[in-house]
Amino acid sequence: IVLLVKENPLLAEVEALQKCYRVLDLICEKCMKQKDMNEVLAMKMHYISCIFQKCITFLKEREDKLDGFIKSLLKGRDKDGFPVYQEKLIRESIRKFPYCEATLLQQLVRSIAPVEI
């Protein structure tokens, strides 16, 4: 997703990403509030929205822009190569999911919480 943003000059601007993540948040909300709730799609939209928000942070604060974000996602822990930053990003996006009552969220939390990074 970050590579797609980086390769598209129109999308690699803070204003464009802000509009995109707001739309994704609205889709997430719609999926959760419709009659036949679609938790899986809502979670996917929320996750992509979180990635866009992180891209915005890197574009605003870092000189290396999205290259630094991509490197941090790919860099593994020294002793075993485990991608710690990816894991933290996924856990952070799950923690930020706004619909606590969602069954999918509760299942994710139950399966991920006991696992050490």
Protein backbone atom coordinates (compact mmCIF):
# COMPACT_ATOMS: atom_id res chain seq x y z
CA ILE A 1 0.00 0.00 0.00
CA VAL A 2 2.82 2.38 0.88
CA LEU A 3 4.61 1.56 -2.38
CA LEU A 4 1.38 2.32 -4.28
CA VAL A 5 1.14 5.69 -2.53
CA LYS A 6 4.81 6.43 -3.23
CA GLU A 7 4.54 5.55 -6.94
CA ASN A 8 1.48 7.74 -7.49
CA PRO A 9 2.48 11.44 -7.31
CA LEU A 10 -1.13 12.60 -6.93
CA LEU A 11 -1.65 10.33 -3.95
CA ALA A 12 1.69 11.05 -2.29
CA GLU A 13 0.52 14.44 -1.03
CA VAL A 14 -0.73 15.09 2.49
CA GLU A 15 -4.04 16.65 1.38
CA ALA A 16 -4.88 13.75 -0.95
CA LEU A 17 -4.08 11.16 1.72
CA GLN A 18 -6.20 13.03 4.26
CA LYS A 19 -9.18 12.91 1.90
CA CYS A 20 -8.57 9.21 1.20
CA TYR A 21 -8.38 8.21 4.85
CA ARG A 22 -11.55 10.16 5.65
CA VAL A 23 -13.39 8.33 2.87
CA LEU A 24 -12.09 5.00 4.16
CA ASP A 25 -13.27 5.90 7.67
CA LEU A 26 -16.73 6.70 6.28
CA ILE A 27 -16.82 3.36 4.43
CA CYS A 28 -15.81 1.63 7.67
CA GLU A 29 -18.59 3.40 9.55
CA LYS A 30 -21.13 2.53 6.84
CA CYS A 31 -20.11 -1.15 6.94
CA MET A 32 -20.63 -1.29 10.69
CA LYS A 33 -23.93 0.62 10.78
CA GLN A 34 -25.74 -1.03 7.88
CA LYS A 35 -28.40 -3.65 8.46
CA ASP A 36 -26.22 -6.65 7.58
CA MET A 37 -22.97 -5.57 9.17
CA ASN A 38 -19.75 -6.28 7.26
CA GLU A 39 -17.08 -6.39 9.96
CA VAL A 40 -14.37 -7.79 7.70
CA LEU A 41 -14.66 -4.98 5.15
CA ALA A 42 -14.87 -2.42 7.97
CA MET A 43 -11.65 -3.77 9.50
CA LYS A 44 -9.89 -3.71 6.11
CA MET A 45 -10.94 -0.12 5.45
CA HIS A 46 -9.82 0.89 8.94
CA TYR A 47 -6.44 -0.79 8.46
CA ILE A 48 -5.79 0.95 5.13
CA SER A 49 -6.92 4.22 6.71
CA CYS A 50 -4.34 3.72 9.49
CA ILE A 51 -1.62 3.11 6.91
CA PHE A 52 -2.59 6.32 5.10
CA GLN A 53 -2.47 8.23 8.39
CA LYS A 54 1.00 6.84 9.07
CA CYS A 55 2.06 7.89 5.55
CA ILE A 56 0.86 11.41 6.35
CA THR A 57 2.94 11.43 9.53
CA PHE A 58 6.07 10.36 7.63
CA LEU A 59 5.44 12.88 4.81
CA LYS A 60 5.09 15.72 7.32
CA GLU A 61 7.84 14.86 9.79
CA ARG A 62 10.60 13.00 7.96
CA GLU A 63 13.04 14.19 5.31
CA ASP A 64 13.25 10.76 3.69
CA LYS A 65 9.45 10.82 3.33
CA LEU A 66 7.91 7.44 2.49
CA ASP A 67 11.27 5.74 1.92
CA GLY A 68 11.84 5.83 5.67
CA PHE A 69 8.42 4.31 6.30
CA ILE A 70 9.05 1.51 3.80
CA LYS A 71 12.46 0.78 5.33
CA SER A 72 11.04 0.67 8.84
CA LEU A 73 8.32 -1.75 7.70
CA LEU A 74 10.87 -4.07 6.08
CA LYS A 75 13.61 -3.93 8.72
CA GLY A 76 13.71 -7.01 10.89
CA ARG A 77 14.94 -7.51 14.43
CA ASP A 78 18.68 -8.23 14.54
CA LYS A 79 18.58 -11.62 16.24
CA ASP A 80 15.81 -13.28 14.18
CA GLY A 81 14.69 -10.88 11.44
CA PHE A 82 11.16 -10.49 12.85
CA PRO A 83 9.51 -7.29 11.48
CA VAL A 84 8.72 -5.58 14.81
CA TYR A 85 7.53 -2.30 13.29
CA GLN A 86 4.98 -4.12 11.11
CA GLU A 87 3.68 -5.97 14.14
CA LYS A 88 3.37 -2.76 16.15
CA LEU A 89 1.56 -1.04 13.27
CA ILE A 90 -0.95 -3.89 12.98
CA ARG A 91 -1.56 -3.96 16.73
CA GLU A 92 -1.96 -0.17 16.82
CA SER A 93 -4.53 -0.25 14.03
CA ILE A 94 -6.48 -2.99 15.81
CA ARG A 95 -6.37 -0.96 19.03
CA LYS A 96 -7.70 2.13 17.19
CA PHE A 97 -10.68 0.28 15.65
CA PRO A 98 -13.63 2.38 16.83
CA TYR A 99 -16.27 -0.38 17.15
CA CYS A 100 -15.41 -2.30 20.32
CA GLU A 101 -18.55 -4.46 20.09
CA ALA A 102 -17.44 -6.05 16.80
CA THR A 103 -17.03 -9.81 17.05
CA LEU A 104 -14.08 -9.78 14.66
CA LEU A 105 -12.25 -7.22 16.79
CA GLN A 106 -12.79 -9.27 19.94
CA GLN A 107 -11.49 -12.42 18.20
CA LEU A 108 -8.41 -10.55 16.95
CA VAL A 109 -7.68 -9.16 20.41
CA ARG A 110 -8.08 -12.60 22.01
CA SER A 111 -5.71 -14.23 19.54
CA ILE A 112 -3.08 -11.46 19.43
CA ALA A 113 -3.01 -10.24 23.05
CA PRO A 114 -1.22 -13.23 24.62
CA VAL A 115 1.47 -13.30 21.90
CA GLU A 116 4.69 -11.50 22.75
CA ILE A 117 6.30 -9.30 20.09
